Amino acid sequence: IENKKFIVNDTDWAHTLEKGVEDYTDMLFEAVWEG
């Protein structure tokens, strides 16, 4: 994939992926902030 771009064929899948990574990293940060 060096110097190439992804073409998204399934936008629902892409939105689910984006939400998933946001939820995962948010959970990690919340645990850190709780201390």
All heavy atoms as atom14 arrays in JSON, in Angstrom:
{
  "sequence": "IENKKFIVNDTDWAHTLEKGVEDYTDMLFEAVWEG",
  "atom14_mask": [
    [1, 1, 1, 1, 1, 1, 1, 1, 0, 0, 0, 0, 0, 0],
    [1, 1, 1, 1, 1, 1, 1, 1, 1, 0, 0, 0, 0, 0],
    [1, 1, 1, 1, 1, 1, 1, 1, 0, 0, 0, 0, 0, 0],
    [1, 1, 1, 1, 1, 1, 1, 1, 1, 0, 0, 0, 0, 0],
    [1, 1, 1, 1, 1, 1, 1, 1, 1, 0, 0, 0, 0, 0],
    [1, 1, 1, 1, 1, 1, 1, 1, 1, 1, 1, 0, 0, 0],
    [1, 1, 1, 1, 1, 1, 1, 1, 0, 0, 0, 0, 0, 0],
    [1, 1, 1, 1, 1, 1, 1, 0, 0, 0, 0, 0, 0, 0],
    [1, 1, 1, 1, 1, 1, 1, 1, 0, 0, 0, 0, 0, 0],
    [1, 1, 1, 1, 1, 1, 1, 1, 0, 0, 0, 0, 0, 0],
    [1, 1, 1, 1, 1, 1, 1, 0, 0, 0, 0, 0, 0, 0],
    [1, 1, 1, 1, 1, 1, 1, 1, 0, 0, 0, 0, 0, 0],
    [1, 1, 1, 1, 1, 1, 1, 1, 1, 1, 1, 1, 1, 1],
    [1, 1, 1, 1, 1, 0, 0, 0, 0, 0, 0, 0, 0, 0],
    [1, 1, 1, 1, 1, 1, 1, 1, 1, 1, 0, 0, 0, 0],
    [1, 1, 1, 1, 1, 1, 1, 0, 0, 0, 0, 0, 0, 0],
    [1, 1, 1, 1, 1, 1, 1, 1, 0, 0, 0, 0, 0, 0],
    [1, 1, 1, 1, 1, 1, 1, 1, 1, 0, 0, 0, 0, 0],
    [1, 1, 1, 1, 1, 1, 1, 1, 1, 0, 0, 0, 0, 0],
    [1, 1, 1, 1, 0, 0, 0, 0, 0, 0, 0, 0, 0, 0],
    [1, 1, 1, 1, 1, 1, 1, 0, 0, 0, 0, 0, 0, 0],
    [1, 1, 1, 1, 1, 1, 1, 1, 1, 0, 0, 0, 0, 0],
    [1, 1, 1, 1, 1, 1, 1, 1, 0, 0, 0, 0, 0, 0],
    [1, 1, 1, 1, 1, 1, 1, 1, 1, 1, 1, 1, 0, 0],
    [1, 1, 1, 1, 1, 1, 1, 0, 0, 0, 0, 0, 0, 0],
    [1, 1, 1, 1, 1, 1, 1, 1, 0, 0, 0, 0, 0, 0],
    [1, 1, 1, 1, 1, 1, 1, 1, 0, 0, 0, 0, 0, 0],
    [1, 1, 1, 1, 1, 1, 1, 1, 0, 0, 0, 0, 0, 0],
    [1, 1, 1, 1, 1, 1, 1, 1, 1, 1, 1, 0, 0, 0],
    [1, 1, 1, 1, 1, 1, 1, 1, 1, 0, 0, 0, 0, 0],
    [1, 1, 1, 1, 1, 0, 0, 0, 0, 0, 0, 0, 0, 0],
    [1, 1, 1, 1, 1, 1, 1, 0, 0, 0, 0, 0, 0, 0],
    [1, 1, 1, 1, 1, 1, 1, 1, 1, 1, 1, 1, 1, 1],
    [1, 1, 1, 1, 1, 1, 1, 1, 1, 0, 0, 0, 0, 0],
    [1, 1, 1, 1, 0, 0, 0, 0, 0, 0, 0, 0, 0, 0]
  ],
  "atom14_positions": [
    [[0.8, -1.22, 0.0], [0.0, 0.0, 0.0], [0.83, 1.28, 0.0], [0.28, 2.36, -0.02], [-0.99, 0.03, 1.18], [-0.28, 0.1, 2.52], [-1.95, -1.11, 1.11], [-1.19, 0.32, 3.69], [0.0, 0.0, 0.0], [0.0, 0.0, 0.0], [0.0, 0.0, 0.0], [0.0, 0.0, 0.0], [0.0, 0.0, 0.0], [0.0, 0.0, 0.0]],
    [[2.14, 1.15, -0.03], [2.98, 2.34, -0.04], [2.6, 3.22, -1.22], [2.52, 2.77, -2.36], [4.44, 1.93, -0.14], [5.4, 3.09, -0.02], [6.84, 2.63, -0.04], [7.1, 1.43, 0.03], [7.69, 3.51, -0.14], [0.0, 0.0, 0.0], [0.0, 0.0, 0.0], [0.0, 0.0, 0.0], [0.0, 0.0, 0.0], [0.0, 0.0, 0.0]],
    [[2.32, 4.49, -0.94], [1.97, 5.49, -1.95], [0.66, 5.17, -2.68], [0.47, 5.59, -3.82], [3.1, 5.67, -2.97], [4.36, 6.18, -2.32], [4.3, 7.02, -1.43], [5.48, 5.66, -2.75], [0.0, 0.0, 0.0], [0.0, 0.0, 0.0], [0.0, 0.0, 0.0], [0.0, 0.0, 0.0], [0.0, 0.0, 0.0], [0.0, 0.0, 0.0]],
    [[-0.22, 4.41, -2.07], [-1.53, 4.14, -2.66], [-2.6, 4.6, -1.69], [-2.35, 4.81, -0.52], [-1.69, 2.65, -2.96], [-0.78, 2.16, -4.05], [-1.1, 0.75, -4.45], [-0.18, 0.32, -5.57], [-0.55, -0.97, -6.11], [0.0, 0.0, 0.0], [0.0, 0.0, 0.0], [0.0, 0.0, 0.0], [0.0, 0.0, 0.0], [0.0, 0.0, 0.0]],
    [[-3.81, 4.71, -2.18], [-4.94, 5.12, -1.35], [-5.94, 3.99, -1.26], [-6.09, 3.2, -2.19], [-5.62, 6.35, -1.95], [-4.75, 7.58, -1.93], [-5.5, 8.75, -2.51], [-4.6, 9.96, -2.54], [-5.26, 11.11, -3.16], [0.0, 0.0, 0.0], [0.0, 0.0, 0.0], [0.0, 0.0, 0.0], [0.0, 0.0, 0.0], [0.0, 0.0, 0.0]],
    [[-6.63, 3.93, -0.13], [-7.72, 2.97, 0.03], [-8.97, 3.49, -0.65], [-9.26, 4.68, -0.61], [-8.04, 2.75, 1.51], [-7.08, 1.86, 2.22], [-6.17, 2.38, 3.13], [-7.08, 0.49, 2.0], [-5.29, 1.57, 3.8], [-6.2, -0.34, 2.66], [-5.29, 0.2, 3.56], [0.0, 0.0, 0.0], [0.0, 0.0, 0.0], [0.0, 0.0, 0.0]],
    [[-9.71, 2.61, -1.25], [-11.04, 2.91, -1.78], [-12.01, 2.15, -0.91], [-11.89, 0.94, -0.72], [-11.16, 2.45, -3.25], [-10.16, 3.19, -4.12], [-12.58, 2.64, -3.75], [-9.99, 2.61, -5.5], [0.0, 0.0, 0.0], [0.0, 0.0, 0.0], [0.0, 0.0, 0.0], [0.0, 0.0, 0.0], [0.0, 0.0, 0.0], [0.0, 0.0, 0.0]],
    [[-12.97, 2.87, -0.34], [-13.95, 2.26, 0.55], [-15.14, 1.8, -0.28], [-15.8, 2.6, -0.93], [-14.4, 3.25, 1.65], [-15.48, 2.63, 2.52], [-13.21, 3.7, 2.48], [0.0, 0.0, 0.0], [0.0, 0.0, 0.0], [0.0, 0.0, 0.0], [0.0, 0.0, 0.0], [0.0, 0.0, 0.0], [0.0, 0.0, 0.0], [0.0, 0.0, 0.0]],
    [[-15.41, 0.5, -0.23], [-16.55, -0.07, -0.95], [-17.77, -0.23, -0.06], [-18.87, -0.43, -0.57], [-16.18, -1.45, -1.52], [-15.09, -1.34, -2.58], [-15.05, -0.38, -3.34], [-14.2, -2.31, -2.62], [0.0, 0.0, 0.0], [0.0, 0.0, 0.0], [0.0, 0.0, 0.0], [0.0, 0.0, 0.0], [0.0, 0.0, 0.0], [0.0, 0.0, 0.0]],
    [[-17.59, -0.17, 1.25], [-18.68, -0.36, 2.2], [-18.58, 0.72, 3.27], [-17.84, 0.58, 4.23], [-18.59, -1.76, 2.81], [-19.76, -2.1, 3.72], [-20.45, -1.17, 4.2], [-19.98, -3.3, 3.97], [0.0, 0.0, 0.0], [0.0, 0.0, 0.0], [0.0, 0.0, 0.0], [0.0, 0.0, 0.0], [0.0, 0.0, 0.0], [0.0, 0.0, 0.0]],
    [[-19.33, 1.8, 3.08], [-19.23, 2.92, 4.01], [-19.77, 2.57, 5.39], [-19.28, 3.1, 6.39], [-19.94, 4.17, 3.47], [-21.3, 3.86, 3.17], [-19.24, 4.71, 2.23], [0.0, 0.0, 0.0], [0.0, 0.0, 0.0], [0.0, 0.0, 0.0], [0.0, 0.0, 0.0], [0.0, 0.0, 0.0], [0.0, 0.0, 0.0], [0.0, 0.0, 0.0]],
    [[-20.76, 1.69, 5.48], [-21.25, 1.27, 6.79], [-20.14, 0.56, 7.57], [-19.96, 0.8, 8.77], [-22.46, 0.34, 6.66], [-23.7, 1.06, 6.17], [-23.78, 2.31, 6.34], [-24.58, 0.4, 5.6], [0.0, 0.0, 0.0], [0.0, 0.0, 0.0], [0.0, 0.0, 0.0], [0.0, 0.0, 0.0], [0.0, 0.0, 0.0], [0.0, 0.0, 0.0]],
    [[-19.41, -0.3, 6.9], [-18.28, -0.99, 7.52], [-17.24, 0.02, 8.0], [-16.71, -0.08, 9.1], [-17.65, -1.98, 6.53], [-16.39, -2.59, 7.02], [-16.25, -3.69, 7.8], [-15.06, -2.12, 6.78], [-14.93, -3.95, 8.05], [-14.18, -2.99, 7.44], [-14.53, -1.05, 6.06], [-12.8, -2.82, 7.41], [-13.16, -0.89, 6.03], [-12.32, -1.77, 6.7]],
    [[-16.95, 1.02, 7.17], [-15.95, 2.03, 7.51], [-16.39, 2.85, 8.72], [-15.58, 3.14, 9.6], [-15.68, 2.94, 6.31], [0.0, 0.0, 0.0], [0.0, 0.0, 0.0], [0.0, 0.0, 0.0], [0.0, 0.0, 0.0], [0.0, 0.0, 0.0], [0.0, 0.0, 0.0], [0.0, 0.0, 0.0], [0.0, 0.0, 0.0], [0.0, 0.0, 0.0]],
    [[-17.67, 3.22, 8.77], [-18.18, 3.97, 9.92], [-18.13, 3.13, 11.19], [-17.79, 3.64, 12.27], [-19.6, 4.47, 9.67], [-19.68, 5.56, 8.64], [-19.09, 6.79, 8.8], [-20.28, 5.6, 7.44], [-19.31, 7.53, 7.75], [-20.04, 6.84, 6.89], [0.0, 0.0, 0.0], [0.0, 0.0, 0.0], [0.0, 0.0, 0.0], [0.0, 0.0, 0.0]],
    [[-18.44, 1.86, 11.08], [-18.37, 0.95, 12.23], [-16.93, 0.82, 12.71], [-16.66, 0.82, 13.92], [-18.95, -0.43, 11.86], [-20.3, -0.26, 11.46], [-18.87, -1.39, 13.03], [0.0, 0.0, 0.0], [0.0, 0.0, 0.0], [0.0, 0.0, 0.0], [0.0, 0.0, 0.0], [0.0, 0.0, 0.0], [0.0, 0.0, 0.0], [0.0, 0.0, 0.0]],
    [[-15.99, 0.72, 11.79], [-14.57, 0.64, 12.14], [-14.13, 1.92, 12.86], [-13.45, 1.87, 13.89], [-13.74, 0.41, 10.9], [-12.23, 0.36, 11.1], [-11.82, -0.78, 12.03], [-11.52, 0.23, 9.75], [0.0, 0.0, 0.0], [0.0, 0.0, 0.0], [0.0, 0.0, 0.0], [0.0, 0.0, 0.0], [0.0, 0.0, 0.0], [0.0, 0.0, 0.0]],
    [[-14.51, 3.06, 12.31], [-14.15, 4.34, 12.91], [-14.72, 4.46, 14.33], [-14.01, 4.85, 15.26], [-14.66, 5.48, 12.04], [-14.28, 6.85, 12.53], [-14.76, 7.95, 11.6], [-15.74, 7.75, 10.86], [-14.14, 9.03, 11.62], [0.0, 0.0, 0.0], [0.0, 0.0, 0.0], [0.0, 0.0, 0.0], [0.0, 0.0, 0.0], [0.0, 0.0, 0.0]],
    [[-15.97, 4.1, 14.49], [-16.61, 4.15, 15.82], [-15.92, 3.18, 16.77], [-15.71, 3.49, 17.95], [-18.09, 3.81, 15.69], [-18.86, 3.71, 16.97], [-19.31, 5.06, 17.45], [-20.27, 4.94, 18.61], [-19.71, 5.31, 19.87], [0.0, 0.0, 0.0], [0.0, 0.0, 0.0], [0.0, 0.0, 0.0], [0.0, 0.0, 0.0], [0.0, 0.0, 0.0]],
    [[-15.55, 2.01, 16.28], [-14.91, 1.01, 17.12], [-13.57, 1.47, 17.66], [-13.28, 1.31, 18.85], [0.0, 0.0, 0.0], [0.0, 0.0, 0.0], [0.0, 0.0, 0.0], [0.0, 0.0, 0.0], [0.0, 0.0, 0.0], [0.0, 0.0, 0.0], [0.0, 0.0, 0.0], [0.0, 0.0, 0.0], [0.0, 0.0, 0.0], [0.0, 0.0, 0.0]],
    [[-12.75, 2.06, 16.81], [-11.43, 2.52, 17.26], [-11.58, 3.71, 18.21], [-10.84, 3.83, 19.19], [-10.47, 2.82, 16.09], [-10.83, 4.1, 15.37], [-9.03, 2.86, 16.58], [0.0, 0.0, 0.0], [0.0, 0.0, 0.0], [0.0, 0.0, 0.0], [0.0, 0.0, 0.0], [0.0, 0.0, 0.0], [0.0, 0.0, 0.0], [0.0, 0.0, 0.0]],
    [[-12.55, 4.57, 17.96], [-12.8, 5.69, 18.87], [-13.26, 5.19, 20.23], [-12.78, 5.68, 21.27], [-13.84, 6.65, 18.29], [-13.32, 7.48, 17.14], [-14.39, 8.33, 16.49], [-15.58, 8.26, 16.9], [-14.05, 9.06, 15.55], [0.0, 0.0, 0.0], [0.0, 0.0, 0.0], [0.0, 0.0, 0.0], [0.0, 0.0, 0.0], [0.0, 0.0, 0.0]],
    [[-14.18, 4.25, 20.25], [-14.66, 3.7, 21.52], [-13.54, 3.01, 22.29], [-13.43, 3.15, 23.51], [-15.81, 2.69, 21.29], [-17.09, 3.36, 20.84], [-17.19, 4.6, 20.93], [-17.99, 2.62, 20.38], [0.0, 0.0, 0.0], [0.0, 0.0, 0.0], [0.0, 0.0, 0.0], [0.0, 0.0, 0.0], [0.0, 0.0, 0.0], [0.0, 0.0, 0.0]],
    [[-12.7, 2.26, 21.58], [-11.59, 1.55, 22.21], [-10.6, 2.53, 22.84], [-10.24, 2.41, 24.01], [-10.89, 0.65, 21.2], [-9.65, -0.03, 21.74], [-9.72, -0.9, 22.82], [-8.41, 0.21, 21.17], [-8.57, -1.51, 23.32], [-7.27, -0.4, 21.65], [-7.36, -1.25, 22.73], [-6.22, -1.85, 23.23], [0.0, 0.0, 0.0], [0.0, 0.0, 0.0]],
    [[-10.16, 3.54, 22.08], [-9.18, 4.49, 22.62], [-9.81, 5.37, 23.7], [-9.14, 5.71, 24.68], [-8.54, 5.34, 21.51], [-9.55, 6.0, 20.76], [-7.68, 4.48, 20.6], [0.0, 0.0, 0.0], [0.0, 0.0, 0.0], [0.0, 0.0, 0.0], [0.0, 0.0, 0.0], [0.0, 0.0, 0.0], [0.0, 0.0, 0.0], [0.0, 0.0, 0.0]],
    [[-11.09, 5.72, 23.56], [-11.77, 6.49, 24.61], [-11.78, 5.7, 25.92], [-11.55, 6.26, 26.99], [-13.2, 6.84, 24.21], [-13.27, 7.95, 23.18], [-12.23, 8.6, 22.9], [-14.38, 8.18, 22.64], [0.0, 0.0, 0.0], [0.0, 0.0, 0.0], [0.0, 0.0, 0.0], [0.0, 0.0, 0.0], [0.0, 0.0, 0.0], [0.0, 0.0, 0.0]],
    [[-12.06, 4.4, 25.84], [-12.07, 3.56, 27.03], [-10.7, 3.56, 27.71], [-10.6, 3.65, 28.94], [-12.48, 2.13, 26.66], [-12.5, 1.13, 27.8], [-10.94, 0.27, 28.15], [-10.6, -0.57, 26.62], [0.0, 0.0, 0.0], [0.0, 0.0, 0.0], [0.0, 0.0, 0.0], [0.0, 0.0, 0.0], [0.0, 0.0, 0.0], [0.0, 0.0, 0.0]],
    [[-9.64, 3.5, 26.91], [-8.29, 3.51, 27.47], [-7.99, 4.84, 28.15], [-7.46, 4.87, 29.27], [-7.26, 3.23, 26.37], [-7.31, 1.84, 25.74], [-6.35, 1.77, 24.56], [-6.99, 0.76, 26.75], [0.0, 0.0, 0.0], [0.0, 0.0, 0.0], [0.0, 0.0, 0.0], [0.0, 0.0, 0.0], [0.0, 0.0, 0.0], [0.0, 0.0, 0.0]],
    [[-8.33, 5.95, 27.5], [-8.09, 7.26, 28.1], [-8.92, 7.47, 29.36], [-8.43, 8.05, 30.34], [-8.35, 8.38, 27.09], [-7.2, 8.64, 26.17], [-7.31, 8.37, 24.82], [-6.0, 9.14, 26.64], [-6.25, 8.61, 23.95], [-4.93, 9.38, 25.8], [-5.06, 9.12, 24.45], [0.0, 0.0, 0.0], [0.0, 0.0, 0.0], [0.0, 0.0, 0.0]],
    [[-10.16, 7.03, 29.36], [-10.99, 7.18, 30.55], [-10.39, 6.45, 31.74], [-10.41, 6.95, 32.86], [-12.41, 6.68, 30.27], [-13.2, 7.62, 29.39], [-14.54, 7.04, 28.94], [-14.96, 6.01, 29.48], [-15.15, 7.65, 28.04], [0.0, 0.0, 0.0], [0.0, 0.0, 0.0], [0.0, 0.0, 0.0], [0.0, 0.0, 0.0], [0.0, 0.0, 0.0]],
    [[-9.82, 5.27, 31.51], [-9.18, 4.52, 32.58], [-7.97, 5.29, 33.12], [-7.73, 5.32, 34.33], [-8.77, 3.14, 32.1], [0.0, 0.0, 0.0], [0.0, 0.0, 0.0], [0.0, 0.0, 0.0], [0.0, 0.0, 0.0], [0.0, 0.0, 0.0], [0.0, 0.0, 0.0], [0.0, 0.0, 0.0], [0.0, 0.0, 0.0], [0.0, 0.0, 0.0]],
    [[-7.21, 5.94, 32.23], [-6.05, 6.72, 32.66], [-6.52, 7.93, 33.46], [-5.95, 8.25, 34.51], [-5.2, 7.15, 31.45], [-4.15, 8.18, 31.84], [-4.54, 5.94, 30.81], [0.0, 0.0, 0.0], [0.0, 0.0, 0.0], [0.0, 0.0, 0.0], [0.0, 0.0, 0.0], [0.0, 0.0, 0.0], [0.0, 0.0, 0.0], [0.0, 0.0, 0.0]],
    [[-7.55, 8.61, 32.98], [-8.02, 9.82, 33.65], [-8.6, 9.52, 35.04], [-8.53, 10.35, 35.92], [-9.05, 10.54, 32.79], [-8.46, 11.1, 31.53], [-7.18, 11.56, 31.35], [-9.1, 11.23, 30.28], [-7.0, 11.98, 30.05], [-8.16, 11.79, 29.37], [-10.38, 10.94, 29.81], [-8.47, 12.06, 28.05], [-10.68, 11.21, 28.49], [-9.74, 11.77, 27.62]],
    [[-9.21, 8.32, 35.19], [-9.73, 7.95, 36.5], [-8.6, 7.79, 37.5], [-8.79, 7.99, 38.7], [-10.54, 6.65, 36.41], [-11.88, 6.84, 35.73], [-12.62, 5.52, 35.55], [-12.15, 4.5, 36.07], [-13.66, 5.54, 34.89], [0.0, 0.0, 0.0], [0.0, 0.0, 0.0], [0.0, 0.0, 0.0], [0.0, 0.0, 0.0], [0.0, 0.0, 0.0]],
    [[-7.44, 7.4, 37.02], [-6.26, 7.32, 37.86], [-6.27, 6.26, 38.92], [-5.49, 6.28, 39.85], [0.0, 0.0, 0.0], [0.0, 0.0, 0.0], [0.0, 0.0, 0.0], [0.0, 0.0, 0.0], [0.0, 0.0, 0.0], [0.0, 0.0, 0.0], [0.0, 0.0, 0.0], [0.0, 0.0, 0.0], [0.0, 0.0, 0.0], [0.0, 0.0, 0.0]]
  ]
}
